[in-house]
Amino acid sequence: MLLSALIGTIGAVSAMAQTNVYSLNAVGYINITAYPGFNMISCPLIASPDNTLTTLLPSTNGQYKKWQVWTFNPTANPQYVEDIGTAAGWLNGGTETISPGAAVWLYNPSNVNYTVTFVGTVPTGPSSVTLYPTSFNMVSSYEPASGDIVTNSLTTFTNSAKKDQAWVYSGATASYTEYIATASGWVGGVDPVIPTVGGGVFYYNAQATNNYWLENYSVSQ
């Protein structure tokens, strides 16, 4: 899905209900389905005043009681930082961020699907998502885009290397789809696919140096 197809003037409220991404100029609204159990999600929008859990998923009235969020940093110890929703907010302060380009685990403790809505400015200009060397990375498109991350004109992630691996998790089926890179592309000619806007990918960078997922978007596209 191309962002250029998502940005524009919304003609009617009824049209807004037919897609999970709504946009008016550079302001975006994204609906993400949180399935029961684990979900790998991202927020490819710049929220106000920030992209902390407290801003994106306010739980002041217990909306996210017993929900859990894990952010991942391959250079930190521990690599995962957890926060848990309570009746009066987030147990650890809700200071962890879900910034564009990052993916996190979101655990829905209920037995029904739940719609999470993010609101913010669509990122524009060049962006760079760092893939740290010989390590796992939880990342996402910096822009609100989905689909094949190699051929999508917004994501164009073409600098994978031999032995790189990618895992895309589906909360709907509670399963991974695995992709393995060779010296000439991805095994079977099947590129990694992020099926929905606001999704993510667990990526292993096999290279000995940082790799970068480069993107560039302008509102005029």
Protein backbone atom coordinates (compact mmCIF):
# COMPACT_ATOMS: atom_id res chain seq x y z
CA MET A 1 0.00 0.00 0.00
CA LEU A 2 1.45 3.36 -0.98
CA LEU A 3 1.19 6.37 1.26
CA SER A 4 0.52 8.55 -1.77
CA ALA A 5 -2.78 6.72 -2.12
CA LEU A 6 -3.66 7.52 1.48
CA ILE A 7 -2.93 11.24 1.67
CA GLY A 8 -5.47 13.74 0.46
CA THR A 9 -8.66 15.51 1.34
CA ILE A 10 -11.31 13.32 2.90
CA GLY A 11 -14.57 13.90 1.10
CA ALA A 12 -16.93 12.44 3.67
CA VAL A 13 -16.99 10.74 7.03
CA SER A 14 -18.39 7.59 5.39
CA ALA A 15 -15.25 7.31 3.27
CA MET A 16 -13.13 7.40 6.42
CA ALA A 17 -14.69 4.21 7.70
CA GLN A 18 -13.54 2.19 4.70
CA THR A 19 -9.81 2.17 5.45
CA ASN A 20 -7.62 1.86 8.49
CA VAL A 21 -5.62 4.97 7.59
CA TYR A 22 -7.16 8.41 7.30
CA SER A 23 -5.29 11.56 6.42
CA LEU A 24 -5.92 15.25 5.96
CA ASN A 25 -2.85 17.01 4.61
CA ALA A 26 -0.01 15.85 6.88
CA VAL A 27 -2.15 14.77 9.85
CA GLY A 28 -2.89 11.07 10.04
CA TYR A 29 -5.18 8.70 11.93
CA ILE A 30 -4.29 5.03 12.07
CA ASN A 31 -6.42 2.18 13.36
CA ILE A 32 -4.56 -0.96 14.40
CA THR A 33 -6.32 -4.19 15.33
CA ALA A 34 -4.92 -5.64 18.55
CA TYR A 35 -5.80 -9.32 18.52
CA PRO A 36 -6.08 -11.32 21.76
CA GLY A 37 -2.56 -12.14 22.89
CA PHE A 38 0.60 -10.76 21.34
CA ASN A 39 0.77 -8.21 18.53
CA MET A 40 3.77 -6.55 16.89
CA ILE A 41 2.81 -2.94 16.25
CA SER A 42 4.33 0.42 15.37
CA CYS A 43 3.31 4.07 15.26
CA PRO A 44 4.55 5.69 12.03
CA LEU A 45 3.16 9.07 13.09
CA ILE A 46 4.59 11.91 15.17
CA ALA A 47 2.18 12.36 18.05
CA SER A 48 1.74 15.44 20.24
CA PRO A 49 3.36 16.15 22.62
CA ASP A 50 5.38 12.95 22.23
CA ASN A 51 5.23 9.24 21.33
CA THR A 52 5.28 7.86 24.85
CA LEU A 53 2.85 5.19 26.00
CA THR A 54 1.08 7.78 28.16
CA THR A 55 0.32 9.85 25.05
CA LEU A 56 -0.40 7.07 22.55
CA LEU A 57 -2.19 4.64 24.87
CA PRO A 58 -3.54 6.68 27.78
CA SER A 59 -4.71 4.41 30.57
CA THR A 60 -5.76 7.04 33.12
CA ASN A 61 -9.18 5.43 33.47
CA GLY A 62 -7.97 1.87 33.17
CA GLN A 63 -8.58 1.59 29.42
CA TYR A 64 -5.48 -0.59 29.11
CA LYS A 65 -5.60 -2.31 32.47
CA LYS A 66 -3.57 -5.55 32.35
CA TRP A 67 -2.30 -4.75 28.85
CA GLN A 68 1.45 -5.10 28.44
CA VAL A 69 3.97 -3.38 26.16
CA TRP A 70 7.57 -4.41 25.53
CA THR A 71 9.97 -2.06 23.79
CA PHE A 72 13.18 -3.53 22.38
CA ASN A 73 16.69 -2.06 22.22
CA PRO A 74 19.43 -4.40 20.97
CA THR A 75 22.17 -2.22 22.49
CA ALA A 76 20.69 -2.12 26.01
CA ASN A 77 20.78 -4.52 28.93
CA PRO A 78 18.11 -5.75 29.36
CA GLN A 79 17.06 -5.51 25.72
CA TYR A 80 13.35 -5.54 26.57
CA VAL A 81 11.66 -2.98 28.82
CA GLU A 82 8.13 -3.80 29.95
CA ASP A 83 5.26 -1.64 31.13
CA ILE A 84 1.86 -2.81 32.35
CA GLY A 85 -1.45 -0.96 32.26
CA THR A 86 -3.24 -0.39 35.56
CA ALA A 87 -6.52 1.24 36.61
CA ALA A 88 -4.69 4.56 36.99
CA GLY A 89 -2.10 4.60 34.21
CA TRP A 90 1.02 2.66 33.35
CA LEU A 91 2.78 0.84 36.16
CA ASN A 92 6.25 2.05 35.19
CA GLY A 93 5.20 5.54 34.20
CA GLY A 94 4.42 5.02 30.51
CA THR A 95 7.64 6.77 29.50
CA GLU A 96 8.70 4.21 26.89
CA THR A 97 8.23 5.43 23.34
CA ILE A 98 6.79 3.97 20.14
CA SER A 99 8.56 6.23 17.68
CA PRO A 100 8.37 6.01 13.88
CA GLY A 101 10.72 3.28 12.70
CA ALA A 102 10.40 1.19 15.86
CA ALA A 103 8.16 -1.80 16.54
CA VAL A 104 7.01 -3.06 19.93
CA TRP A 105 5.12 -5.99 21.39
CA LEU A 106 1.60 -5.21 22.57
CA TYR A 107 -0.24 -7.82 24.63
CA ASN A 108 -4.04 -7.72 24.62
CA PRO A 109 -5.22 -9.69 27.68
CA SER A 110 -8.84 -9.93 26.55
CA ASN A 111 -10.42 -12.53 24.30
CA VAL A 112 -11.74 -10.03 21.75
CA ASN A 113 -10.16 -7.84 19.08
CA TYR A 114 -9.52 -4.26 20.13
CA THR A 115 -8.97 -1.23 17.89
CA VAL A 116 -6.06 1.01 18.85
CA THR A 117 -6.07 4.47 17.24
CA PHE A 118 -2.94 6.58 16.81
CA VAL A 119 -3.13 10.23 15.80
CA GLY A 120 -0.24 12.37 14.61
CA THR A 121 1.70 14.08 11.86
CA VAL A 122 2.89 12.00 8.92
CA PRO A 123 6.72 12.00 8.87
CA THR A 124 8.23 13.68 5.82
CA GLY A 125 11.69 14.01 4.35
CA PRO A 126 14.54 11.49 4.50
CA SER A 127 14.53 9.00 7.36
CA SER A 128 16.87 6.26 8.51
CA VAL A 129 16.06 3.22 10.64
CA THR A 130 19.20 1.70 12.15
CA LEU A 131 19.70 -2.07 11.99
CA TYR A 132 22.42 -2.87 14.50
CA PRO A 133 25.13 -5.36 13.47
CA THR A 134 24.98 -9.11 14.14
CA SER A 135 21.88 -8.64 16.25
CA PHE A 136 18.12 -8.67 16.21
CA ASN A 137 16.18 -5.46 15.65
CA MET A 138 12.46 -4.70 16.09
CA VAL A 139 11.72 -2.15 13.40
CA SER A 140 9.04 -0.84 11.10
CA SER A 141 8.63 1.47 8.16
CA TYR A 142 9.20 5.06 9.27
CA GLU A 143 6.25 6.03 7.08
CA PRO A 144 2.64 4.76 7.36
CA ALA A 145 3.07 2.22 4.58
CA SER A 146 2.53 -1.51 4.22
CA GLY A 147 3.29 -4.24 1.73
CA ASP A 148 6.52 -5.55 0.21
CA ILE A 149 9.29 -3.57 1.93
CA VAL A 150 11.63 -4.02 -1.06
CA THR A 151 9.41 -3.01 -3.97
CA ASN A 152 7.15 -0.50 -2.21
CA SER A 153 8.25 2.86 -3.60
CA LEU A 154 8.13 4.36 -0.11
CA THR A 155 10.07 1.74 1.80
CA THR A 156 12.57 0.49 -0.84
CA PHE A 157 14.68 -1.57 1.55
CA THR A 158 17.15 -2.96 -0.98
CA ASN A 159 20.39 -3.29 0.99
CA SER A 160 19.85 -6.62 2.70
CA ALA A 161 22.85 -8.94 2.88
CA LYS A 162 23.42 -12.68 2.75
CA LYS A 163 22.18 -14.43 5.90
CA ASP A 164 19.96 -11.55 6.98
CA GLN A 165 16.65 -12.83 8.30
CA ALA A 166 13.24 -11.25 8.88
CA TRP A 167 10.25 -12.47 10.85
CA VAL A 168 6.82 -10.88 10.50
CA TYR A 169 4.38 -11.78 13.27
CA SER A 170 0.63 -12.07 12.76
CA GLY A 171 -1.50 -11.48 15.82
CA ALA A 172 -4.48 -12.89 13.94
CA THR A 173 -2.86 -16.32 13.59
CA ALA A 174 -0.30 -16.07 16.42
CA SER A 175 2.43 -17.13 14.01
CA TYR A 176 5.56 -15.89 12.23
CA THR A 177 6.39 -15.72 8.54
CA GLU A 178 10.14 -16.10 8.04
CA TYR A 179 12.25 -14.60 5.25
CA ILE A 180 15.93 -15.37 4.57
CA ALA A 181 18.27 -13.28 2.44
CA THR A 182 20.90 -14.59 0.03
CA ALA A 183 23.62 -12.78 -1.88
CA SER A 184 21.16 -12.17 -4.72
CA GLY A 185 17.94 -11.41 -2.89
CA TRP A 186 15.44 -13.15 -0.65
CA VAL A 187 14.95 -16.93 -0.79
CA GLY A 188 12.43 -17.92 -3.41
CA GLY A 189 12.20 -14.36 -4.63
CA VAL A 190 9.81 -13.65 -1.77
CA ASP A 191 10.51 -10.29 -0.11
CA PRO A 192 9.50 -9.51 3.47
CA VAL A 193 5.96 -8.16 3.63
CA ILE A 194 4.45 -6.06 6.39
CA PRO A 195 0.75 -6.72 5.75
CA THR A 196 -0.77 -3.76 7.57
CA VAL A 197 0.06 -0.14 8.30
CA GLY A 198 1.27 0.01 11.89
CA GLY A 199 2.92 -3.41 11.68
CA GLY A 200 6.54 -4.34 12.27
CA VAL A 201 9.30 -6.80 11.56
CA PHE A 202 11.82 -8.65 13.71
CA TYR A 203 14.99 -8.29 11.65
CA TYR A 204 18.37 -9.97 12.08
CA ASN A 205 21.21 -7.95 10.54
CA ALA A 206 23.95 -10.49 9.77
CA GLN A 207 26.43 -7.81 8.75
CA ALA A 208 29.30 -6.75 11.01
CA THR A 209 28.34 -3.08 10.69
CA ASN A 210 25.17 -1.07 11.01
CA ASN A 211 22.75 -1.32 8.12
CA TYR A 212 20.13 1.32 7.42
CA TRP A 213 16.57 1.17 6.16
CA LEU A 214 16.37 4.44 4.23
CA GLU A 215 13.08 6.10 3.30
CA ASN A 216 12.09 9.46 1.91
CA TYR A 217 8.60 10.89 1.65
CA SER A 218 7.16 14.31 0.90
CA VAL A 219 3.52 15.35 1.08
CA SER A 220 3.61 16.23 -2.63
CA GLN A 221 4.15 12.58 -3.60
